[in-house]
Amino acid sequence: MTPVTSKICVVGDFAVGKTSVVERFVSNHFSDKYLSTVGVKIDTRDLEIDDLQVSHKLVIWDVAGADQFDEREFAYLRGASGFIFVADGTRALTLRSAENLRTQVSERFDEAPAVVLVNKKDLVADYQLSEERIEKLRTSFDSVYSTSAKTGEDVDDAIKRLSRLIINRDLQG
């Protein structure tokens, strides 16, 4: 297998579940305790993509919540191979923040694969987003997932999809 290492940045507004998504993906764990990320937290996970004969090491940068970036956040994002934008389905404004952050990233850096996670699917009864609104996201992001860091629903699938998008882009380039 060919070893590949990629930097992935996880971004989104405050308290959307970025750290919980990363923790679920990396260690299959969830905590109800809210801890605000200061700066950036870095984790890793290795994936085997058998059909492509690739061992993909994801270096995941969990960037502190923001609805727009300043120079410090842009410094964290530099060199990213892909992005995970996280929004909270129970707070519609966080989806606008994710779209705004996507625009800022696209204007500042070369285009990189990006997925959006509409998180907190376990609270779908409290969602402030319609299915139509979530569908419209497909024009800005490579893939859109409704996820739950609490239950783990679709978290692995979403990040594995991003991994494939990165590897496929790298193989073509």
Protein backbone atom coordinates (compact mmCIF):
# COMPACT_ATOMS: atom_id res chain seq x y z
CA MET A 1 0.00 0.00 0.00
CA THR A 2 1.12 3.50 -0.80
CA PRO A 3 1.32 5.69 2.33
CA VAL A 4 -0.24 9.16 2.04
CA THR A 5 -0.49 11.80 4.76
CA SER A 6 -2.99 14.64 4.51
CA LYS A 7 -3.82 17.62 6.68
CA ILE A 8 -7.56 18.01 7.24
CA CYS A 9 -9.02 21.11 8.89
CA VAL A 10 -12.30 20.96 10.81
CA VAL A 11 -13.97 24.36 10.99
CA GLY A 12 -17.30 25.90 11.89
CA ASP A 13 -19.04 28.19 14.32
CA PHE A 14 -18.84 27.90 18.10
CA ALA A 15 -20.43 24.84 19.78
CA VAL A 16 -21.49 23.03 16.59
CA GLY A 17 -19.75 19.81 17.65
CA LYS A 18 -16.41 19.99 15.79
CA THR A 19 -14.40 18.49 18.64
CA SER A 20 -17.09 15.87 19.28
CA VAL A 21 -17.06 14.87 15.59
CA VAL A 22 -13.27 14.50 15.66
CA GLU A 23 -13.35 12.56 18.93
CA ARG A 24 -16.03 10.23 17.53
CA PHE A 25 -14.00 9.64 14.35
CA VAL A 26 -10.60 9.21 16.03
CA SER A 27 -11.52 7.25 19.17
CA ASN A 28 -15.22 6.34 18.73
CA HIS A 29 -16.01 8.25 21.91
CA PHE A 30 -18.50 11.00 22.83
CA SER A 31 -18.62 13.25 25.88
CA ASP A 32 -21.54 15.45 26.93
CA LYS A 33 -19.10 17.87 28.54
CA TYR A 34 -18.56 21.01 26.48
CA LEU A 35 -14.96 22.16 26.28
CA SER A 36 -14.23 25.11 24.05
CA THR A 37 -11.21 24.57 21.80
CA VAL A 38 -8.58 27.26 22.14
CA GLY A 39 -6.46 27.67 19.02
CA VAL A 40 -6.20 24.23 17.45
CA LYS A 41 -6.21 20.61 18.61
CA ILE A 42 -4.50 18.00 16.42
CA ASP A 43 -5.40 14.29 16.18
CA THR A 44 -4.61 11.53 13.68
CA ARG A 45 -6.26 8.45 12.27
CA ASP A 46 -5.09 6.00 9.64
CA LEU A 47 -7.45 4.65 6.98
CA GLU A 48 -6.86 1.79 4.57
CA ILE A 49 -8.37 2.40 1.14
CA ASP A 50 -8.00 -1.09 -0.23
CA ASP A 51 -9.35 -0.58 -3.74
CA LEU A 52 -6.89 2.29 -4.30
CA GLN A 53 -4.04 0.51 -2.47
CA VAL A 54 -3.53 3.54 -0.23
CA SER A 55 -2.83 3.84 3.49
CA HIS A 56 -4.14 7.33 4.29
CA LYS A 57 -3.00 9.06 7.47
CA LEU A 58 -5.33 11.93 8.30
CA VAL A 59 -3.80 14.66 10.45
CA ILE A 60 -6.92 16.38 11.70
CA TRP A 61 -6.72 20.00 12.83
CA ASP A 62 -9.72 20.90 14.99
CA VAL A 63 -9.74 24.70 14.73
CA ALA A 64 -11.43 26.83 17.40
CA GLY A 65 -14.97 27.90 16.53
CA ALA A 66 -15.45 31.04 14.48
CA ASP A 67 -18.01 32.51 12.12
CA GLN A 68 -15.20 34.16 10.15
CA PHE A 69 -11.45 33.75 10.02
CA ASP A 70 -8.71 36.11 11.10
CA GLU A 71 -5.01 35.78 10.27
CA ARG A 72 -4.39 33.22 13.03
CA GLU A 73 -7.04 30.84 11.67
CA PHE A 74 -5.78 31.31 8.12
CA ALA A 75 -2.33 30.29 9.36
CA TYR A 76 -3.83 27.06 10.78
CA LEU A 77 -5.57 26.32 7.47
CA ARG A 78 -2.48 26.75 5.29
CA GLY A 79 -1.46 23.51 3.61
CA ALA A 80 -4.76 21.70 4.19
CA SER A 81 -5.61 18.95 1.71
CA GLY A 82 -9.29 19.01 2.67
CA PHE A 83 -11.86 20.63 4.89
CA ILE A 84 -14.70 19.48 7.09
CA PHE A 85 -17.21 22.25 7.71
CA VAL A 86 -19.51 21.57 10.65
CA ALA A 87 -22.89 23.21 11.30
CA ASP A 88 -25.46 22.59 14.04
CA GLY A 89 -28.81 21.52 12.61
CA THR A 90 -30.57 23.05 15.61
CA ARG A 91 -29.07 26.50 14.89
CA ALA A 92 -29.66 27.68 11.31
CA LEU A 93 -27.19 30.56 11.61
CA THR A 94 -24.32 28.08 11.97
CA LEU A 95 -25.03 26.84 8.44
CA ARG A 96 -24.61 30.38 7.12
CA SER A 97 -21.34 30.54 9.06
CA ALA A 98 -20.15 27.30 7.40
CA GLU A 99 -20.99 28.70 3.96
CA ASN A 100 -19.23 31.97 4.79
CA LEU A 101 -16.14 30.10 6.01
CA ARG A 102 -16.17 28.01 2.82
CA THR A 103 -16.18 31.21 0.75
CA GLN A 104 -13.27 32.62 2.77
CA VAL A 105 -11.26 29.42 2.33
CA SER A 106 -11.96 29.33 -1.43
CA GLU A 107 -10.89 32.96 -1.85
CA ARG A 108 -7.67 32.50 0.13
CA PHE A 109 -6.43 29.03 -0.85
CA ASP A 110 -6.45 26.68 -3.80
CA GLU A 111 -9.65 24.70 -4.09
CA ALA A 112 -9.56 21.64 -1.84
CA PRO A 113 -12.16 18.93 -1.30
CA ALA A 114 -14.72 19.87 1.33
CA VAL A 115 -17.60 18.16 3.05
CA VAL A 116 -20.19 19.70 5.31
CA LEU A 117 -21.60 17.92 8.32
CA VAL A 118 -24.98 19.11 9.56
CA ASN A 119 -24.41 17.81 13.05
CA LYS A 120 -26.69 16.88 15.96
CA LYS A 121 -28.96 14.61 13.94
CA ASP A 122 -29.91 12.98 17.24
CA LEU A 123 -31.82 16.25 17.88
CA VAL A 124 -33.55 16.28 14.48
CA ALA A 125 -36.89 17.19 16.11
CA ASP A 126 -35.23 20.52 17.04
CA TYR A 127 -33.71 21.17 13.59
CA GLN A 128 -34.11 24.67 12.20
CA LEU A 129 -33.17 23.52 8.69
CA SER A 130 -35.40 22.04 6.04
CA GLU A 131 -34.29 19.18 3.82
CA GLU A 132 -34.49 21.63 0.89
CA ARG A 133 -32.02 23.98 2.62
CA ILE A 134 -29.66 21.11 3.32
CA GLU A 135 -29.93 19.99 -0.34
CA LYS A 136 -28.91 23.49 -1.54
CA LEU A 137 -25.57 22.97 0.21
CA ARG A 138 -24.57 20.52 -2.52
CA THR A 139 -23.71 23.48 -4.77
CA SER A 140 -20.95 24.64 -2.38
CA PHE A 141 -19.62 21.37 -0.95
CA ASP A 142 -18.47 18.07 -2.46
CA SER A 143 -20.69 16.08 -0.08
CA VAL A 144 -23.30 16.90 2.55
CA TYR A 145 -24.00 14.65 5.53
CA SER A 146 -26.46 14.80 8.41
CA THR A 147 -24.42 13.47 11.32
CA SER A 148 -24.57 12.86 15.03
CA ALA A 149 -21.32 12.93 16.98
CA LYS A 150 -23.34 11.62 19.93
CA THR A 151 -24.54 8.43 18.21
CA GLY A 152 -21.79 8.30 15.58
CA GLU A 153 -24.30 8.29 12.73
CA ASP A 154 -22.59 9.04 9.39
CA VAL A 155 -19.46 10.59 10.98
CA ASP A 156 -17.12 7.86 9.68
CA ASP A 157 -18.83 7.82 6.27
CA ALA A 158 -18.46 11.58 5.85
CA ILE A 159 -14.76 11.69 6.74
CA LYS A 160 -13.96 8.57 4.73
CA ARG A 161 -15.68 10.25 1.75
CA LEU A 162 -13.42 13.28 2.22
CA SER A 163 -10.39 10.96 2.36
CA ARG A 164 -11.40 9.40 -0.98
CA LEU A 165 -11.93 12.83 -2.55
CA ILE A 166 -8.42 13.87 -1.48
CA ILE A 167 -6.79 10.65 -2.71
CA ASN A 168 -8.64 10.78 -6.04
CA ARG A 169 -7.58 14.41 -6.56
CA ASP A 170 -3.97 13.55 -5.69
CA LEU A 171 -3.96 10.58 -8.08
CA GLN A 172 -5.23 12.78 -10.91
CA GLY A 173 -2.80 15.64 -10.21
